[in-house]
Protein backbone atom coordinates (compact mmCIF):
# COMPACT_ATOMS: atom_id res chain seq x y z
CA UNK A 1 -73.01 -9.65 112.50
CA UNK A 2 -70.72 -12.66 112.72
CA UNK A 3 -67.08 -11.47 113.16
CA UNK A 4 -66.05 -13.60 110.20
CA UNK A 5 -68.59 -12.02 107.88
CA UNK A 6 -67.57 -9.17 105.60
CA UNK A 7 -69.68 -5.99 105.68
CA UNK A 8 -72.18 -5.74 102.86
CA UNK A 9 -71.22 -3.56 99.91
CA UNK A 10 -73.68 -0.69 99.31
CA UNK A 11 -76.23 -1.88 96.75
CA UNK A 12 -75.92 1.04 94.31
CA UNK A 13 -72.13 1.03 94.26
CA UNK A 14 -72.05 -2.74 93.84
CA UNK A 15 -74.46 -2.68 90.91
CA UNK A 16 -72.60 0.05 89.03
CA UNK A 17 -69.09 -1.29 89.59
CA UNK A 18 -70.22 -4.85 88.98
CA UNK A 19 -71.82 -3.89 85.67
CA UNK A 20 -68.46 -2.78 84.27
CA UNK A 21 -66.13 -5.08 86.20
CA UNK A 22 -66.76 -8.17 84.07
CA UNK A 23 -66.71 -6.15 80.85
CA UNK A 24 -63.39 -4.57 81.74
CA UNK A 25 -61.54 -7.77 82.63
CA UNK A 26 -62.98 -9.67 79.68
CA UNK A 27 -61.57 -7.02 77.34
CA UNK A 28 -58.25 -6.91 79.19
CA UNK A 29 -57.92 -10.60 78.45
CA UNK A 30 -59.09 -10.30 74.84
CA UNK A 31 -57.67 -7.10 73.45
CA UNK A 32 -56.77 -4.62 76.18
CA UNK A 33 -59.23 -2.04 74.86
CA UNK A 34 -61.82 -1.43 77.60
CA UNK A 35 -62.95 1.96 76.24
CA UNK A 36 -64.71 0.43 73.26
CA UNK A 37 -66.96 -1.78 75.37
CA UNK A 38 -67.79 0.73 78.05
CA UNK A 39 -70.04 2.66 75.66
CA UNK A 40 -72.44 -0.22 75.23
CA UNK A 41 -72.29 -0.75 78.99
CA UNK A 42 -73.57 2.76 79.71
CA UNK A 43 -76.19 2.47 76.96
CA UNK A 44 -77.57 -0.74 78.42
CA UNK A 45 -77.96 0.95 81.80
CA UNK A 46 -79.97 3.75 80.20
CA UNK A 47 -82.10 1.29 78.25
CA UNK A 48 -82.85 -0.75 81.38
CA UNK A 49 -83.86 2.41 83.28
CA UNK A 50 -80.95 2.23 85.71
CA UNK A 51 -79.66 5.78 85.40
CA UNK A 52 -80.40 6.15 89.12
CA UNK A 53 -77.02 4.48 89.69
CA UNK A 54 -75.24 7.78 88.99
CA UNK A 55 -77.99 10.42 88.71
CA UNK A 56 -77.50 12.96 91.50
CA UNK A 57 -80.59 14.96 90.55
CA UNK A 58 -78.96 18.38 90.12
CA UNK A 59 -75.94 20.15 88.61
CA UNK A 60 -72.53 20.11 90.25
CA UNK A 61 -72.42 22.61 93.15
CA UNK A 62 -68.66 22.94 92.64
CA UNK A 63 -69.14 23.95 89.01
CA UNK A 64 -71.83 26.47 89.94
CA UNK A 65 -69.49 28.01 92.50
CA UNK A 66 -66.66 28.23 89.96
CA UNK A 67 -68.78 29.80 87.22
CA UNK A 68 -70.35 32.37 89.53
CA UNK A 69 -67.33 33.23 91.66
CA UNK A 70 -65.06 33.59 88.62
CA UNK A 71 -67.63 35.27 86.36
CA UNK A 72 -65.35 38.28 85.87
CA UNK A 73 -62.42 36.08 84.83
CA UNK A 74 -62.05 36.09 81.05
CA UNK A 75 -62.27 32.34 80.53
CA UNK A 76 -65.53 32.05 82.48
CA UNK A 77 -67.37 34.99 80.95
CA UNK A 78 -70.21 33.60 78.80
CA UNK A 79 -69.68 36.18 76.05
CA UNK A 80 -66.68 36.77 73.81
CA UNK A 81 -65.35 40.32 73.25
CA UNK A 82 -67.35 40.46 69.98
CA UNK A 83 -70.59 39.63 71.82
CA UNK A 84 -70.90 36.02 70.59
CA UNK A 85 -71.79 33.41 73.15
CA UNK A 86 -69.09 30.99 74.16
CA UNK A 87 -69.67 27.29 73.50
CA UNK A 88 -69.46 24.82 76.38
CA UNK A 89 -69.29 21.03 76.06
CA UNK A 90 -70.25 18.46 78.68
CA UNK A 91 -69.23 14.93 77.57
CA UNK A 92 -71.19 12.15 79.26
CA UNK A 93 -73.84 14.69 80.23
CA UNK A 94 -76.42 12.21 81.50
CA UNK A 95 -79.80 13.86 82.13
CA UNK A 96 -78.23 17.22 81.29
CA UNK A 97 -78.16 18.99 84.65
CA UNK A 98 -74.78 20.64 84.05
CA UNK A 99 -75.64 21.49 80.44
CA UNK A 100 -78.79 23.34 81.50
CA UNK A 101 -76.96 25.10 84.32
CA UNK A 102 -74.29 26.37 81.93
CA UNK A 103 -76.95 27.53 79.46
CA UNK A 104 -78.77 29.36 82.25
CA UNK A 105 -75.48 31.12 83.02
CA UNK A 106 -75.22 32.45 79.48
CA UNK A 107 -73.27 29.80 77.54
CA UNK A 108 -74.43 27.96 74.43
CA UNK A 109 -74.09 24.55 76.05
CA UNK A 110 -73.84 21.17 74.33
CA UNK A 111 -74.37 17.86 76.08
CA UNK A 112 -72.80 14.74 74.56
CA UNK A 113 -74.29 11.41 75.60
CA UNK A 114 -73.53 7.96 74.19
CA UNK A 115 -77.07 6.67 74.67
CA UNK A 116 -80.06 7.59 72.49
CA UNK A 117 -82.26 7.01 75.53
CA UNK A 118 -80.07 9.37 77.54
CA UNK A 119 -80.29 12.09 74.88
CA UNK A 120 -84.07 11.77 74.73
CA UNK A 121 -84.28 12.01 78.53
CA UNK A 122 -82.02 15.08 78.57
CA UNK A 123 -84.09 16.84 75.92
CA UNK A 124 -87.26 16.31 77.96
CA UNK A 125 -85.57 17.69 81.07
CA UNK A 126 -84.27 20.70 79.11
CA UNK A 127 -87.69 21.53 77.67
CA UNK A 128 -89.03 22.00 81.19
CA UNK A 129 -86.00 23.38 82.98
CA UNK A 130 -85.12 26.11 80.48
CA UNK A 131 -88.65 27.47 80.79
CA UNK A 132 -88.94 27.18 84.57
CA UNK A 133 -85.46 26.88 86.09
CA UNK A 134 -85.18 25.49 89.59
CA UNK A 135 -83.18 27.26 92.27
CA UNK A 136 -80.55 24.51 92.43
CA UNK A 137 -79.11 25.83 89.15
CA UNK A 138 -77.81 28.96 90.89
CA UNK A 139 -75.88 30.14 93.89
CA UNK A 140 -77.45 32.48 96.41
CA UNK A 141 -78.69 35.68 94.78
CA UNK A 142 -77.61 34.73 91.24
CA UNK A 143 -80.86 33.38 89.81
CA UNK A 144 -81.93 35.25 86.68
CA UNK A 145 -78.91 37.55 86.65
CA UNK A 146 -77.76 36.48 83.15
CA UNK A 147 -79.60 36.12 79.84
CA UNK A 148 -79.64 32.36 79.11
CA UNK A 149 -77.91 30.78 76.16
CA UNK A 150 -79.07 27.65 74.32
CA UNK A 151 -78.92 24.00 75.40
CA UNK A 152 -78.44 21.25 72.81
CA UNK A 153 -77.87 17.51 73.08
CA UNK A 154 -75.94 15.20 70.79
CA UNK A 155 -75.72 11.41 70.68
CA UNK A 156 -72.20 10.10 70.27
CA UNK A 157 -69.01 8.69 71.76
CA UNK A 158 -66.54 11.36 72.88
CA UNK A 159 -63.62 9.08 72.03
CA UNK A 160 -64.74 8.45 68.42
CA UNK A 161 -64.96 10.94 65.53
CA UNK A 162 -68.22 11.90 63.87
CA UNK A 163 -70.45 13.31 66.60
CA UNK A 164 -69.25 16.84 65.78
CA UNK A 165 -71.17 16.66 62.46
CA UNK A 166 -74.42 16.89 64.43
CA UNK A 167 -73.31 20.37 65.53
CA UNK A 168 -71.31 21.56 62.52
CA UNK A 169 -71.52 19.97 59.06
CA UNK A 170 -67.79 20.32 58.41
CA UNK A 171 -66.81 19.31 61.99
CA UNK A 172 -64.90 22.55 62.53
CA UNK A 173 -66.57 23.44 65.83
CA UNK A 174 -64.33 24.34 68.75
CA UNK A 175 -65.44 24.75 72.34
CA UNK A 176 -64.47 27.54 74.71
CA UNK A 177 -65.19 25.48 77.81
CA UNK A 178 -65.20 21.72 78.37
CA UNK A 179 -66.50 20.39 81.67
CA UNK A 180 -65.97 16.81 82.75
CA UNK A 181 -66.88 14.92 85.90
CA UNK A 182 -66.08 11.31 85.03
CA UNK A 183 -65.76 10.59 81.30
CA UNK A 184 -62.39 12.16 80.43
CA UNK A 185 -60.97 11.97 83.93
CA UNK A 186 -61.49 8.23 84.23
CA UNK A 187 -59.63 7.54 80.97
CA UNK A 188 -56.88 10.16 81.27
CA UNK A 189 -53.92 7.78 80.69
CA UNK A 190 -55.44 6.68 77.36
CA UNK A 191 -56.51 10.06 75.99
CA UNK A 192 -53.48 11.67 74.40
CA UNK A 193 -54.57 15.08 73.08
CA UNK A 194 -58.32 14.41 72.90
CA UNK A 195 -59.27 17.45 74.97
CA UNK A 196 -57.00 19.80 73.01
CA UNK A 197 -58.55 18.58 69.77
CA UNK A 198 -61.99 19.76 70.93
CA UNK A 199 -61.04 23.13 72.43
CA UNK A 200 -60.09 26.43 70.88
CA UNK A 201 -57.02 28.50 71.73
CA UNK A 202 -57.54 30.45 74.94
CA UNK A 203 -60.26 28.05 76.04
CA UNK A 204 -60.70 26.35 79.40
CA UNK A 205 -60.91 22.69 80.36
CA UNK A 206 -62.54 22.08 83.73
CA UNK A 207 -62.04 18.82 85.57
CA UNK A 208 -64.41 18.35 88.47
CA UNK A 209 -64.05 15.62 91.09
CA UNK A 210 -66.19 14.91 94.12
CA UNK A 211 -64.00 17.15 96.29
CA UNK A 212 -62.54 19.85 94.09
CA UNK A 213 -62.55 21.66 90.79
CA UNK A 214 -59.44 22.20 88.69
CA UNK A 215 -59.39 24.39 85.62
CA UNK A 216 -56.73 24.83 83.01
CA UNK A 217 -56.45 27.32 80.18
CA UNK A 218 -55.13 26.19 76.84
CA UNK A 219 -52.41 28.49 75.57
């Protein structure tokens, strides 16, 4: 390589960042509201069959470790004291790997995805995976140790009201566990109390990054 040449940017990273870069700066110039345009950006990637840009092909190993290692901790038990299953939400769920994993660990898990194509893809994955779970959904020795809950998928934008009606007609649903990998974390400065609005008292919000998992209980 010529010393004056810059190293090539990895193709996948360049495509994903580039897809949103122009959208972001155009909105900064126009109205300083990038969140509103990012939804259509993700939807267009689904519709053009480019979900491979972020699809890792399995649930988060860090989340699996947390759920299984802390299974005796109150906030991570899949059942409430009265025997009802806890409800878990995964915003921006993609193909639904983490939703299915949580359901297989006993939660009634809900995946929220902004794209109709994404929801359809997740439902197809769930139909197969809930019947014949793959080993990557569990840690060593934990496969089949819990009676599974249910997995459901909803089309909607986490940052806009209305998607809750697809789960509860009067929108009064509250979640016991919310897991996020990129959606909420990437927009944290703009969120306000969005997460608290979706969780019940005593519930847990889990923020997972590439290197660590942080959990916080709502008082």
